[in-house]
Amino acid sequence: MNLCSSLLQASPSLEVAVLNVNYRHTPEFKFPSQQCDAWAAFSSFASGGSLSSTYKIDPKRILMGGTSAGAALSIATAIKDMRRQQQAVAQKDIQQISRLQGLILSSSPTVHPDLFPFVSLRAKEVSSYEQFQNSGVLPTPRARYFYNMYIAEDDEDTSKRSELVSPLLIPNESWEPSFWPRTSIHVAGADAFRDEGILFAEKLQGLGIETKLRIHRGYPHAFERFPSLVESEKWRAQIVDDIKWLLG
């Protein structure tokens, strides 16, 4: 609600429909139930069918985003759409163009904790996983607890290595930058997911994808859920700018 108000105040003439789509939750539902729900919702609006007409949505100007799990689901949806386009090109189906114009990600996990590439850092001891073992909002042990609820034990190894769970580890050669949307990434500086957010931004930038990285130094995971914080006000203003940038 605060974000919608900020968007309306900053750009009264900007016609944007903000839709909050629910999905199945753990522990009752395991991976990939959540990604399936996100993909179904996106596909319904991007198809240009009745839902798009009802909410007056341009199916070629869709942005996706979220905080924490919502950000991870947005990445997974973009990956699925990239794979869809790659398959369309292989089948010479030129009608299958990109349907996702931008991503807005905040405090996003991008790799399973067991697979974090510590080799990318100066030392494991300086990693956000180590530094924020006891952070107030999402300490590292709690993040692992959530992952354990999310991944089914009988398929644990395969699931944690899935590109939908650990997109940071997708080989660059299997990525198609032209099928990936502009991306805005907000990283909380005192978050266990800090490093993987930064590394994911660097990965996209290295692939030539237009990517904005904003770091909110000293703030914990999903800090924007506390709307009275000055940094939350700053975040909302930046999200408004991100939306304008992503919509061109």
C-alpha atoms as a PDB file:
ATOM      1  CA  MET A   1       0.000   0.000   0.000  1.00  0.00           C
ATOM      2  CA  ASN A   2       2.833   2.442   0.867  1.00  0.00           C
ATOM      3  CA  LEU A   3       4.570   1.633  -2.401  1.00  0.00           C
ATOM      4  CA  CYS A   4       1.384   2.185  -4.411  1.00  0.00           C
ATOM      5  CA  SER A   5       0.869   5.540  -2.699  1.00  0.00           C
ATOM      6  CA  SER A   6       4.467   6.557  -3.409  1.00  0.00           C
ATOM      7  CA  LEU A   7       4.057   5.634  -7.068  1.00  0.00           C
ATOM      8  CA  LEU A   8       0.812   7.580  -7.385  1.00  0.00           C
ATOM      9  CA  GLN A   9       2.271  10.673  -5.691  1.00  0.00           C
ATOM     10  CA  ALA A  10       5.464  10.649  -7.740  1.00  0.00           C
ATOM     11  CA  SER A  11       3.840   9.980 -11.114  1.00  0.00           C
ATOM     12  CA  PRO A  12       0.080  10.653 -11.137  1.00  0.00           C
ATOM     13  CA  SER A  13      -0.026  10.241 -14.915  1.00  0.00           C
ATOM     14  CA  LEU A  14       1.776   6.897 -14.953  1.00  0.00           C
ATOM     15  CA  GLU A  15      -0.794   4.188 -15.628  1.00  0.00           C
ATOM     16  CA  VAL A  16       0.344   1.140 -13.660  1.00  0.00           C
ATOM     17  CA  ALA A  17      -1.722  -1.758 -12.302  1.00  0.00           C
ATOM     18  CA  VAL A  18      -0.153  -3.325  -9.202  1.00  0.00           C
ATOM     19  CA  LEU A  19      -1.173  -6.940  -8.698  1.00  0.00           C
ATOM     20  CA  ASN A  20      -0.286  -9.045  -5.651  1.00  0.00           C
ATOM     21  CA  VAL A  21      -0.528 -12.733  -6.554  1.00  0.00           C
ATOM     22  CA  ASN A  22      -0.540 -15.403  -3.841  1.00  0.00           C
ATOM     23  CA  TYR A  23       1.098 -18.829  -4.117  1.00  0.00           C
ATOM     24  CA  ARG A  24       1.181 -22.102  -2.198  1.00  0.00           C
ATOM     25  CA  HIS A  25       3.376 -22.035   0.894  1.00  0.00           C
ATOM     26  CA  THR A  26       5.634 -24.343   2.835  1.00  0.00           C
ATOM     27  CA  PRO A  27       5.701 -26.612   4.708  1.00  0.00           C
ATOM     28  CA  GLU A  28       2.530 -28.097   3.199  1.00  0.00           C
ATOM     29  CA  PHE A  29       3.789 -27.499  -0.350  1.00  0.00           C
ATOM     30  CA  LYS A  30       7.368 -28.093  -1.438  1.00  0.00           C
ATOM     31  CA  PHE A  31       9.456 -26.924  -4.393  1.00  0.00           C
ATOM     32  CA  PRO A  32       8.530 -26.486  -7.225  1.00  0.00           C
ATOM     33  CA  SER A  33       4.902 -25.730  -6.272  1.00  0.00           C
ATOM     34  CA  GLN A  34       5.651 -22.051  -5.686  1.00  0.00           C
ATOM     35  CA  GLN A  35       7.435 -21.599  -9.034  1.00  0.00           C
ATOM     36  CA  CYS A  36       4.559 -23.313 -10.818  1.00  0.00           C
ATOM     37  CA  ASP A  37       2.080 -20.891  -9.259  1.00  0.00           C
ATOM     38  CA  ALA A  38       4.196 -17.848 -10.136  1.00  0.00           C
ATOM     39  CA  TRP A  39       4.622 -19.056 -13.708  1.00  0.00           C
ATOM     40  CA  ALA A  40       0.885 -19.755 -14.067  1.00  0.00           C
ATOM     41  CA  ALA A  41       0.008 -16.269 -12.832  1.00  0.00           C
ATOM     42  CA  PHE A  42       2.547 -14.593 -15.109  1.00  0.00           C
ATOM     43  CA  SER A  43       1.475 -16.646 -18.136  1.00  0.00           C
ATOM     44  CA  SER A  44      -2.178 -15.823 -17.534  1.00  0.00           C
ATOM     45  CA  PHE A  45      -1.518 -12.091 -17.717  1.00  0.00           C
ATOM     46  CA  ALA A  46       1.170 -12.255 -20.395  1.00  0.00           C
ATOM     47  CA  SER A  47      -1.016 -14.277 -22.761  1.00  0.00           C
ATOM     48  CA  GLY A  48      -3.176 -11.256 -23.508  1.00  0.00           C
ATOM     49  CA  GLY A  49      -6.355 -13.085 -22.529  1.00  0.00           C
ATOM     50  CA  SER A  50      -9.310 -12.130 -20.372  1.00  0.00           C
ATOM     51  CA  LEU A  51      -7.265 -11.378 -17.247  1.00  0.00           C
ATOM     52  CA  SER A  52      -5.188  -8.815 -19.125  1.00  0.00           C
ATOM     53  CA  SER A  53      -8.362  -7.185 -20.431  1.00  0.00           C
ATOM     54  CA  THR A  54     -10.022  -7.177 -17.008  1.00  0.00           C
ATOM     55  CA  TYR A  55      -7.106  -5.394 -15.349  1.00  0.00           C
ATOM     56  CA  LYS A  56      -6.230  -3.350 -18.474  1.00  0.00           C
ATOM     57  CA  ILE A  57      -2.724  -4.778 -18.631  1.00  0.00           C
ATOM     58  CA  ASP A  58      -0.437  -4.494 -21.624  1.00  0.00           C
ATOM     59  CA  PRO A  59       0.927  -8.068 -21.921  1.00  0.00           C
ATOM     60  CA  LYS A  60       4.149  -6.728 -23.422  1.00  0.00           C
ATOM     61  CA  ARG A  61       4.876  -4.338 -20.541  1.00  0.00           C
ATOM     62  CA  ILE A  62       4.882  -6.571 -17.479  1.00  0.00           C
ATOM     63  CA  LEU A  63       7.227  -6.064 -14.558  1.00  0.00           C
ATOM     64  CA  MET A  64       7.720  -8.660 -11.825  1.00  0.00           C
ATOM     65  CA  GLY A  65       9.274  -8.221  -8.449  1.00  0.00           C
ATOM     66  CA  GLY A  66       9.203  -8.951  -4.782  1.00  0.00           C
ATOM     67  CA  THR A  67      11.138  -9.208  -1.576  1.00  0.00           C
ATOM     68  CA  SER A  68      12.931 -12.358  -0.406  1.00  0.00           C
ATOM     69  CA  ALA A  69      10.874 -15.355  -1.606  1.00  0.00           C
ATOM     70  CA  GLY A  70       8.910 -13.072  -3.933  1.00  0.00           C
ATOM     71  CA  ALA A  71      12.145 -11.938  -5.550  1.00  0.00           C
ATOM     72  CA  ALA A  72      13.310 -15.543  -5.919  1.00  0.00           C
ATOM     73  CA  LEU A  73      10.023 -16.475  -7.616  1.00  0.00           C
ATOM     74  CA  SER A  74      10.391 -13.511  -9.974  1.00  0.00           C
ATOM     75  CA  ILE A  75      13.858 -14.738 -10.984  1.00  0.00           C
ATOM     76  CA  ALA A  76      12.509 -18.265 -11.500  1.00  0.00           C
ATOM     77  CA  THR A  77       9.732 -16.908 -13.717  1.00  0.00           C
ATOM     78  CA  ALA A  78      12.238 -14.939 -15.795  1.00  0.00           C
ATOM     79  CA  ILE A  79      14.345 -18.093 -16.183  1.00  0.00           C
ATOM     80  CA  LYS A  80      11.334 -20.055 -17.382  1.00  0.00           C
ATOM     81  CA  ASP A  81      10.476 -17.312 -19.853  1.00  0.00           C
ATOM     82  CA  MET A  82      14.080 -17.245 -21.097  1.00  0.00           C
ATOM     83  CA  ARG A  83      13.972 -21.013 -21.645  1.00  0.00           C
ATOM     84  CA  ARG A  84      10.630 -20.653 -23.450  1.00  0.00           C
ATOM     85  CA  GLN A  85      12.148 -18.121 -25.831  1.00  0.00           C
ATOM     86  CA  GLN A  86      15.259 -20.232 -26.403  1.00  0.00           C
ATOM     87  CA  GLN A  87      13.058 -23.163 -27.324  1.00  0.00           C
ATOM     88  CA  ALA A  88      10.975 -20.979 -29.638  1.00  0.00           C
ATOM     89  CA  VAL A  89      14.098 -19.838 -31.481  1.00  0.00           C
ATOM     90  CA  ALA A  90      15.257 -23.436 -31.824  1.00  0.00           C
ATOM     91  CA  GLN A  91      11.877 -24.278 -33.350  1.00  0.00           C
ATOM     92  CA  LYS A  92      12.021 -21.154 -35.563  1.00  0.00           C
ATOM     93  CA  ASP A  93       8.879 -19.752 -33.930  1.00  0.00           C
ATOM     94  CA  ILE A  94       9.515 -16.035 -34.363  1.00  0.00           C
ATOM     95  CA  GLN A  95       6.229 -15.122 -32.676  1.00  0.00           C
ATOM     96  CA  GLN A  96       7.527 -16.165 -29.251  1.00  0.00           C
ATOM     97  CA  ILE A  97       8.991 -12.857 -28.126  1.00  0.00           C
ATOM     98  CA  SER A  98       9.862 -11.702 -24.624  1.00  0.00           C
ATOM     99  CA  ARG A  99       6.846 -10.977 -22.436  1.00  0.00           C
ATOM    100  CA  LEU A 100       8.675  -9.711 -19.368  1.00  0.00           C
ATOM    101  CA  GLN A 101       9.975  -6.154 -19.484  1.00  0.00           C
ATOM    102  CA  GLY A 102      11.671  -5.858 -16.113  1.00  0.00           C
ATOM    103  CA  LEU A 103      12.515  -7.332 -12.721  1.00  0.00           C
ATOM    104  CA  ILE A 104      12.607  -5.532  -9.364  1.00  0.00           C
ATOM    105  CA  LEU A 105      14.320  -7.675  -6.735  1.00  0.00           C
ATOM    106  CA  SER A 106      14.858  -7.001  -3.025  1.00  0.00           C
ATOM    107  CA  SER A 107      16.751  -9.161  -0.499  1.00  0.00           C
ATOM    108  CA  SER A 108      16.702 -12.062  -2.915  1.00  0.00           C
ATOM    109  CA  PRO A 109      18.230 -15.490  -2.287  1.00  0.00           C
ATOM    110  CA  THR A 110      19.963 -16.677  -5.460  1.00  0.00           C
ATOM    111  CA  VAL A 111      21.742 -19.876  -4.367  1.00  0.00           C
ATOM    112  CA  HIS A 112      21.133 -22.671  -1.881  1.00  0.00           C
ATOM    113  CA  PRO A 113      23.329 -22.126   1.217  1.00  0.00           C
ATOM    114  CA  ASP A 114      25.017 -25.512   0.758  1.00  0.00           C
ATOM    115  CA  LEU A 115      26.195 -24.450  -2.703  1.00  0.00           C
ATOM    116  CA  PHE A 116      27.316 -20.881  -2.050  1.00  0.00           C
ATOM    117  CA  PRO A 117      30.483 -20.153  -4.098  1.00  0.00           C
ATOM    118  CA  PHE A 118      32.731 -18.888  -1.318  1.00  0.00           C
ATOM    119  CA  VAL A 119      35.583 -18.997  -3.833  1.00  0.00           C
ATOM    120  CA  SER A 120      34.089 -15.806  -5.306  1.00  0.00           C
ATOM    121  CA  LEU A 121      34.867 -13.945  -2.077  1.00  0.00           C
ATOM    122  CA  ARG A 122      38.138 -12.913  -0.457  1.00  0.00           C
ATOM    123  CA  ALA A 123      37.518 -15.389   2.364  1.00  0.00           C
ATOM    124  CA  LYS A 124      34.608 -17.371   3.792  1.00  0.00           C
ATOM    125  CA  GLU A 125      34.993 -15.530   7.097  1.00  0.00           C
ATOM    126  CA  VAL A 126      33.974 -12.205   5.516  1.00  0.00           C
ATOM    127  CA  SER A 127      30.887 -13.643   3.836  1.00  0.00           C
ATOM    128  CA  SER A 128      27.433 -12.421   4.770  1.00  0.00           C
ATOM    129  CA  TYR A 129      26.550 -15.991   5.822  1.00  0.00           C
ATOM    130  CA  GLU A 130      29.252 -15.790   8.481  1.00  0.00           C
ATOM    131  CA  GLN A 131      28.832 -12.123   9.439  1.00  0.00           C
ATOM    132  CA  PHE A 132      25.106 -12.320  10.058  1.00  0.00           C
ATOM    133  CA  GLN A 133      24.761 -15.592  11.916  1.00  0.00           C
ATOM    134  CA  ASN A 134      22.836 -13.687  14.588  1.00  0.00           C
ATOM    135  CA  SER A 135      21.205 -10.842  12.672  1.00  0.00           C
ATOM    136  CA  GLY A 136      17.829  -9.742  13.958  1.00  0.00           C
ATOM    137  CA  VAL A 137      15.469 -10.399  11.053  1.00  0.00           C
ATOM    138  CA  LEU A 138      16.878 -13.394   9.185  1.00  0.00           C
ATOM    139  CA  PRO A 139      19.949 -14.950  10.805  1.00  0.00           C
ATOM    140  CA  THR A 140      21.755 -17.584   8.759  1.00  0.00           C
ATOM    141  CA  PRO A 141      20.386 -20.575  10.783  1.00  0.00           C
ATOM    142  CA  ARG A 142      16.823 -19.395  10.196  1.00  0.00           C
ATOM    143  CA  ALA A 143      17.464 -19.032   6.468  1.00  0.00           C
ATOM    144  CA  ARG A 144      18.657 -22.637   6.413  1.00  0.00           C
ATOM    145  CA  TYR A 145      15.551 -23.671   8.374  1.00  0.00           C
ATOM    146  CA  PHE A 146      13.315 -22.096   5.723  1.00  0.00           C
ATOM    147  CA  TYR A 147      15.230 -23.853   2.948  1.00  0.00           C
ATOM    148  CA  ASN A 148      14.766 -27.170   4.779  1.00  0.00           C
ATOM    149  CA  MET A 149      11.000 -26.618   4.793  1.00  0.00           C
ATOM    150  CA  TYR A 150      11.111 -25.689   1.124  1.00  0.00           C
ATOM    151  CA  ILE A 151      13.112 -28.601  -0.309  1.00  0.00           C
ATOM    152  CA  ALA A 152      11.744 -32.136  -0.096  1.00  0.00           C
ATOM    153  CA  GLU A 153      14.184 -34.540   1.573  1.00  0.00           C
ATOM    154  CA  ASP A 154      13.737 -37.278  -1.049  1.00  0.00           C
ATOM    155  CA  ASP A 155      14.871 -34.926  -3.810  1.00  0.00           C
ATOM    156  CA  GLU A 156      17.135 -32.617  -1.845  1.00  0.00           C
ATOM    157  CA  ASP A 157      20.322 -32.767  -3.916  1.00  0.00           C
ATOM    158  CA  THR A 158      18.591 -32.339  -7.274  1.00  0.00           C
ATOM    159  CA  SER A 159      16.294 -29.573  -6.043  1.00  0.00           C
ATOM    160  CA  LYS A 160      18.977 -27.431  -4.423  1.00  0.00           C
ATOM    161  CA  ARG A 161      20.957 -27.559  -7.692  1.00  0.00           C
ATOM    162  CA  SER A 162      17.963 -26.609  -9.823  1.00  0.00           C
ATOM    163  CA  GLU A 163      18.424 -23.385 -11.743  1.00  0.00           C
ATOM    164  CA  LEU A 164      15.145 -22.219 -10.216  1.00  0.00           C
ATOM    165  CA  VAL A 165      16.607 -22.532  -6.713  1.00  0.00           C
ATOM    166  CA  SER A 166      20.239 -21.575  -7.423  1.00  0.00           C
ATOM    167  CA  PRO A 167      20.194 -19.257 -10.467  1.00  0.00           C
ATOM    168  CA  LEU A 168      23.552 -17.802  -9.435  1.00  0.00           C
ATOM    169  CA  LEU A 169      25.157 -21.074 -10.535  1.00  0.00           C
ATOM    170  CA  ILE A 170      23.690 -21.168 -14.050  1.00  0.00           C
ATOM    171  CA  PRO A 171      26.640 -21.345 -16.500  1.00  0.00           C
ATOM    172  CA  ASN A 172      27.004 -18.148 -18.491  1.00  0.00           C
ATOM    173  CA  GLU A 173      27.069 -20.104 -21.760  1.00  0.00           C
ATOM    174  CA  SER A 174      23.504 -21.365 -21.155  1.00  0.00           C
ATOM    175  CA  TRP A 175      22.210 -17.849 -20.509  1.00  0.00           C
ATOM    176  CA  GLU A 176      20.702 -15.807 -23.322  1.00  0.00           C
ATOM    177  CA  PRO A 177      21.108 -12.109 -22.391  1.00  0.00           C
ATOM    178  CA  SER A 178      18.790 -10.883 -25.151  1.00  0.00           C
ATOM    179  CA  PHE A 179      15.952 -12.870 -23.557  1.00  0.00           C
ATOM    180  CA  TRP A 180      16.508 -11.475 -20.079  1.00  0.00           C
ATOM    181  CA  PRO A 181      14.793  -8.234 -18.982  1.00  0.00           C
ATOM    182  CA  ARG A 182      16.344  -5.164 -17.420  1.00  0.00           C
ATOM    183  CA  THR A 183      16.831  -5.851 -13.734  1.00  0.00           C
ATOM    184  CA  SER A 184      16.898  -3.750 -10.570  1.00  0.00           C
ATOM    185  CA  ILE A 185      18.461  -5.397  -7.516  1.00  0.00           C
ATOM    186  CA  HIS A 186      18.176  -4.030  -3.973  1.00  0.00           C
ATOM    187  CA  VAL A 187      20.532  -5.598  -1.444  1.00  0.00           C
ATOM    188  CA  ALA A 188      20.258  -5.163   2.326  1.00  0.00           C
ATOM    189  CA  GLY A 189      23.742  -4.595   3.696  1.00  0.00           C
ATOM    190  CA  ALA A 190      23.183  -6.541   6.932  1.00  0.00           C
ATOM    191  CA  ASP A 191      21.462  -9.525   5.345  1.00  0.00           C
ATOM    192  CA  ALA A 192      22.666 -13.133   5.112  1.00  0.00           C
ATOM    193  CA  PHE A 193      21.681 -12.936   1.416  1.00  0.00           C
ATOM    194  CA  ARG A 194      23.785  -9.818   0.803  1.00  0.00           C
ATOM    195  CA  ASP A 195      26.673 -11.462  -1.042  1.00  0.00           C
ATOM    196  CA  GLU A 196      24.582 -13.619  -3.354  1.00  0.00           C
ATOM    197  CA  GLY A 197      22.519 -10.574  -4.302  1.00  0.00           C
ATOM    198  CA  ILE A 198      25.652  -8.643  -5.227  1.00  0.00           C
ATOM    199  CA  LEU A 199      27.133 -11.626  -7.072  1.00  0.00           C
ATOM    200  CA  PHE A 200      23.912 -12.089  -9.032  1.00  0.00           C
ATOM    201  CA  ALA A 201      23.943  -8.425 -10.063  1.00  0.00           C
ATOM    202  CA  GLU A 202      27.569  -8.763 -11.151  1.00  0.00           C
ATOM    203  CA  LYS A 203      26.684 -11.893 -13.105  1.00  0.00           C
ATOM    204  CA  LEU A 204      23.945 -10.107 -15.047  1.00  0.00           C
ATOM    205  CA  GLN A 205      26.143  -7.076 -15.666  1.00  0.00           C
ATOM    206  CA  GLY A 206      28.924  -9.355 -16.896  1.00  0.00           C
ATOM    207  CA  LEU A 207      26.479 -10.853 -19.400  1.00  0.00           C
ATOM    208  CA  GLY A 208      25.717  -7.375 -20.729  1.00  0.00           C
ATOM    209  CA  ILE A 209      22.244  -7.177 -19.191  1.00  0.00           C
ATOM    210  CA  GLU A 210      21.147  -3.724 -18.060  1.00  0.00           C
ATOM    211  CA  THR A 211      21.228  -4.036 -14.285  1.00  0.00           C
ATOM    212  CA  LYS A 212      20.963  -1.535 -11.437  1.00  0.00           C
ATOM    213  CA  LEU A 213      22.386  -2.499  -8.064  1.00  0.00           C
ATOM    214  CA  ARG A 214      21.372  -0.581  -4.961  1.00  0.00           C
ATOM    215  CA  ILE A 215      22.892  -1.459  -1.582  1.00  0.00           C
ATOM    216  CA  HIS A 216      21.162  -0.358   1.609  1.00  0.00           C
ATOM    217  CA  ARG A 217      24.124  -0.414   3.963  1.00  0.00           C
ATOM    218  CA  GLY A 218      23.568  -1.476   7.555  1.00  0.00           C
ATOM    219  CA  TYR A 219      19.950  -2.613   7.082  1.00  0.00           C
ATOM    220  CA  PRO A 220      18.655  -6.160   7.641  1.00  0.00           C
ATOM    221  CA  HIS A 221      16.765  -8.548   5.423  1.00  0.00           C
ATOM    222  CA  ALA A 222      13.483  -7.131   4.077  1.00  0.00           C
ATOM    223  CA  PHE A 223      13.905  -3.915   6.064  1.00  0.00           C
ATOM    224  CA  GLU A 224      11.352  -2.170   3.823  1.00  0.00           C
ATOM    225  CA  ARG A 225       8.610  -4.059   5.629  1.00  0.00           C
ATOM    226  CA  PHE A 226       9.100  -1.515   8.390  1.00  0.00           C
ATOM    227  CA  PRO A 227       7.608   1.477   6.517  1.00  0.00           C
ATOM    228  CA  SER A 228       8.487   4.121   9.122  1.00  0.00           C
ATOM    229  CA  LEU A 229      12.231   3.680   8.582  1.00  0.00           C
ATOM    230  CA  VAL A 230      13.923   6.499   6.700  1.00  0.00           C
ATOM    231  CA  GLU A 231      15.674   3.872   4.565  1.00  0.00           C
ATOM    232  CA  SER A 232      12.288   2.354   3.712  1.00  0.00           C
ATOM    233  CA  GLU A 233      11.143   5.729   2.414  1.00  0.00           C
ATOM    234  CA  LYS A 234      14.332   5.895   0.349  1.00  0.00           C
ATOM    235  CA  TRP A 235      13.687   2.372  -0.949  1.00  0.00           C
ATOM    236  CA  ARG A 236      10.147   3.278  -2.034  1.00  0.00           C
ATOM    237  CA  ALA A 237      11.422   6.331  -3.899  1.00  0.00           C
ATOM    238  CA  GLN A 238      14.048   4.199  -5.621  1.00  0.00           C
ATOM    239  CA  ILE A 239      11.456   1.584  -6.587  1.00  0.00           C
ATOM    240  CA  VAL A 240       9.404   4.328  -8.251  1.00  0.00           C
ATOM    241  CA  ASP A 241      12.512   5.329 -10.212  1.00  0.00           C
ATOM    242  CA  ASP A 242      13.129   1.682 -11.065  1.00  0.00           C
ATOM    243  CA  ILE A 243       9.628   1.286 -12.459  1.00  0.00           C
ATOM    244  CA  LYS A 244      10.055   4.357 -14.655  1.00  0.00           C
ATOM    245  CA  TRP A 245      13.417   3.058 -15.866  1.00  0.00           C
ATOM    246  CA  LEU A 246      12.134  -0.449 -16.570  1.00  0.00           C
ATOM    247  CA  LEU A 247       9.117   0.859 -18.469  1.00  0.00           C
ATOM    248  CA  GLY A 248      11.390   3.070 -20.537  1.00  0.00           C
END
